[in-house]
Amino acid sequence: MTARNELRLLPWSGPDGKPCYLSTDDPDSYMSRLADNIESIQLDVAARLLGESLVTLDDQDADLNDLRRLGHDLTGVLRDVLRVAASREHLLATSGHHRI
């Protein structure tokens, strides 16, 4: 069995919001590629939402519902981006790459 420190944190949650992990030695496996693609989509969504949020926050006439929806959307995107960052940091650490 793969040690927990060798597991990849996946970019989605399981039941009850619990983290999901992948145990594989193959970075080109179907599940690894699926996780890579979902992470890429999550980061693209975050970038787009950041742009949209700047527009909404600059709008002096934005109503409370728009701001609440923005806060909700930003919270979800931040959660996803933090999970991607944690996963990639762990992958770098286990592959022997060091941060600058």
C-alpha atoms as a PDB file:
ATOM      1  CA  MET A   1       0.000   0.000   0.000  1.00  0.00           C
ATOM      2  CA  THR A   2       1.183   3.534  -0.777  1.00  0.00           C
ATOM      3  CA  ALA A   3       2.093   5.682   2.213  1.00  0.00           C
ATOM      4  CA  ARG A   4      -0.253   8.603   2.863  1.00  0.00           C
ATOM      5  CA  ASN A   5       2.530  11.083   2.120  1.00  0.00           C
ATOM      6  CA  GLU A   6       2.760   9.570  -1.383  1.00  0.00           C
ATOM      7  CA  LEU A   7      -0.942   9.937  -2.138  1.00  0.00           C
ATOM      8  CA  ARG A   8      -2.167  12.675  -4.452  1.00  0.00           C
ATOM      9  CA  LEU A   9      -4.869  14.959  -3.116  1.00  0.00           C
ATOM     10  CA  LEU A  10      -7.532  15.060  -5.802  1.00  0.00           C
ATOM     11  CA  PRO A  11      -9.284  18.292  -6.830  1.00  0.00           C
ATOM     12  CA  TRP A  12     -12.692  17.113  -5.637  1.00  0.00           C
ATOM     13  CA  SER A  13     -14.219  16.034  -2.365  1.00  0.00           C
ATOM     14  CA  GLY A  14     -15.891  12.801  -1.445  1.00  0.00           C
ATOM     15  CA  PRO A  15     -19.018  12.296   0.604  1.00  0.00           C
ATOM     16  CA  ASP A  16     -19.422  14.777   3.445  1.00  0.00           C
ATOM     17  CA  GLY A  17     -16.675  16.980   1.968  1.00  0.00           C
ATOM     18  CA  LYS A  18     -13.916  14.538   2.883  1.00  0.00           C
ATOM     19  CA  PRO A  19     -10.737  14.723   0.779  1.00  0.00           C
ATOM     20  CA  CYS A  20     -10.135  12.149  -1.947  1.00  0.00           C
ATOM     21  CA  TYR A  21      -6.689  10.745  -2.677  1.00  0.00           C
ATOM     22  CA  LEU A  22      -5.140   8.858  -5.571  1.00  0.00           C
ATOM     23  CA  SER A  23      -2.555   6.140  -5.157  1.00  0.00           C
ATOM     24  CA  THR A  24      -0.578   5.618  -8.356  1.00  0.00           C
ATOM     25  CA  ASP A  25       2.988   5.640  -9.559  1.00  0.00           C
ATOM     26  CA  ASP A  26       1.860   6.661 -13.058  1.00  0.00           C
ATOM     27  CA  PRO A  27       1.450  10.418 -13.577  1.00  0.00           C
ATOM     28  CA  ASP A  28      -0.050   9.618 -17.000  1.00  0.00           C
ATOM     29  CA  SER A  29      -2.760   7.293 -15.692  1.00  0.00           C
ATOM     30  CA  TYR A  30      -6.363   8.067 -16.549  1.00  0.00           C
ATOM     31  CA  MET A  31      -7.114   9.324 -13.022  1.00  0.00           C
ATOM     32  CA  SER A  32      -3.947  11.449 -12.892  1.00  0.00           C
ATOM     33  CA  ARG A  33      -4.809  13.078 -16.221  1.00  0.00           C
ATOM     34  CA  LEU A  34      -8.417  13.582 -15.109  1.00  0.00           C
ATOM     35  CA  ALA A  35      -7.211  15.299 -11.924  1.00  0.00           C
ATOM     36  CA  ASP A  36      -4.807  17.471 -13.950  1.00  0.00           C
ATOM     37  CA  ASN A  37      -7.613  18.507 -16.302  1.00  0.00           C
ATOM     38  CA  ILE A  38     -10.014  19.329 -13.480  1.00  0.00           C
ATOM     39  CA  GLU A  39      -7.335  21.362 -11.693  1.00  0.00           C
ATOM     40  CA  SER A  40      -6.748  23.292 -14.916  1.00  0.00           C
ATOM     41  CA  ILE A  41     -10.474  23.993 -15.260  1.00  0.00           C
ATOM     42  CA  GLN A  42     -10.692  25.096 -11.618  1.00  0.00           C
ATOM     43  CA  LEU A  43      -7.812  27.543 -12.077  1.00  0.00           C
ATOM     44  CA  ASP A  44      -9.361  28.916 -15.288  1.00  0.00           C
ATOM     45  CA  VAL A  45     -12.687  29.423 -13.502  1.00  0.00           C
ATOM     46  CA  ALA A  46     -10.863  31.228 -10.682  1.00  0.00           C
ATOM     47  CA  ALA A  47      -9.147  33.569 -13.134  1.00  0.00           C
ATOM     48  CA  ARG A  48     -12.417  34.380 -14.897  1.00  0.00           C
ATOM     49  CA  LEU A  49     -14.240  34.934 -11.609  1.00  0.00           C
ATOM     50  CA  LEU A  50     -11.505  37.277 -10.429  1.00  0.00           C
ATOM     51  CA  GLY A  51     -12.069  39.421 -13.508  1.00  0.00           C
ATOM     52  CA  GLU A  52     -15.836  39.365 -13.021  1.00  0.00           C
ATOM     53  CA  SER A  53     -15.469  40.233  -9.340  1.00  0.00           C
ATOM     54  CA  LEU A  54     -13.455  43.339 -10.155  1.00  0.00           C
ATOM     55  CA  VAL A  55     -16.264  44.536 -12.396  1.00  0.00           C
ATOM     56  CA  THR A  56     -18.926  43.796  -9.772  1.00  0.00           C
ATOM     57  CA  LEU A  57     -16.976  45.467  -6.970  1.00  0.00           C
ATOM     58  CA  ASP A  58     -16.395  48.564  -9.117  1.00  0.00           C
ATOM     59  CA  ASP A  59     -20.131  48.817  -9.829  1.00  0.00           C
ATOM     60  CA  GLN A  60     -21.529  51.349  -7.382  1.00  0.00           C
ATOM     61  CA  ASP A  61     -25.043  50.113  -8.231  1.00  0.00           C
ATOM     62  CA  ALA A  62     -24.362  46.420  -7.527  1.00  0.00           C
ATOM     63  CA  ASP A  63     -27.150  45.130  -5.338  1.00  0.00           C
ATOM     64  CA  LEU A  64     -26.783  43.052  -2.200  1.00  0.00           C
ATOM     65  CA  ASN A  65     -27.786  39.828  -3.965  1.00  0.00           C
ATOM     66  CA  ASP A  66     -25.038  40.295  -6.561  1.00  0.00           C
ATOM     67  CA  LEU A  67     -22.479  40.847  -3.799  1.00  0.00           C
ATOM     68  CA  ARG A  68     -23.688  37.814  -1.834  1.00  0.00           C
ATOM     69  CA  ARG A  69     -23.520  35.628  -4.946  1.00  0.00           C
ATOM     70  CA  LEU A  70     -20.032  36.956  -5.651  1.00  0.00           C
ATOM     71  CA  GLY A  71     -18.931  36.168  -2.090  1.00  0.00           C
ATOM     72  CA  HIS A  72     -20.351  32.662  -2.364  1.00  0.00           C
ATOM     73  CA  ASP A  73     -18.687  32.055  -5.744  1.00  0.00           C
ATOM     74  CA  LEU A  74     -15.348  33.441  -4.551  1.00  0.00           C
ATOM     75  CA  THR A  75     -15.460  31.217  -1.470  1.00  0.00           C
ATOM     76  CA  GLY A  76     -15.956  28.113  -3.613  1.00  0.00           C
ATOM     77  CA  VAL A  77     -13.205  29.078  -6.031  1.00  0.00           C
ATOM     78  CA  LEU A  78     -10.803  29.875  -3.195  1.00  0.00           C
ATOM     79  CA  ARG A  79     -11.468  26.436  -1.677  1.00  0.00           C
ATOM     80  CA  ASP A  80     -10.698  24.794  -5.030  1.00  0.00           C
ATOM     81  CA  VAL A  81      -7.537  26.846  -5.629  1.00  0.00           C
ATOM     82  CA  LEU A  82      -6.228  26.075  -2.129  1.00  0.00           C
ATOM     83  CA  ARG A  83      -6.808  22.349  -2.748  1.00  0.00           C
ATOM     84  CA  VAL A  84      -4.916  22.581  -6.058  1.00  0.00           C
ATOM     85  CA  ALA A  85      -2.068  24.444  -4.339  1.00  0.00           C
ATOM     86  CA  ALA A  86      -1.869  21.870  -1.536  1.00  0.00           C
ATOM     87  CA  SER A  87      -1.870  19.018  -4.028  1.00  0.00           C
ATOM     88  CA  ARG A  88       0.824  20.565  -6.212  1.00  0.00           C
ATOM     89  CA  GLU A  89       2.978  21.497  -3.225  1.00  0.00           C
ATOM     90  CA  HIS A  90       2.786  17.904  -2.037  1.00  0.00           C
ATOM     91  CA  LEU A  91       3.624  16.584  -5.526  1.00  0.00           C
ATOM     92  CA  LEU A  92       6.675  18.869  -5.677  1.00  0.00           C
ATOM     93  CA  ALA A  93       7.828  17.777  -2.225  1.00  0.00           C
ATOM     94  CA  THR A  94       7.507  14.062  -2.987  1.00  0.00           C
ATOM     95  CA  SER A  95       9.201  14.403  -6.387  1.00  0.00           C
ATOM     96  CA  GLY A  96      12.273  16.004  -4.853  1.00  0.00           C
ATOM     97  CA  HIS A  97      11.693  19.475  -6.330  1.00  0.00           C
ATOM     98  CA  HIS A  98      12.170  22.295  -3.890  1.00  0.00           C
ATOM     99  CA  ARG A  99      10.502  25.665  -3.794  1.00  0.00           C
ATOM    100  CA  ILE A 100      12.572  28.759  -4.444  1.00  0.00           C
END
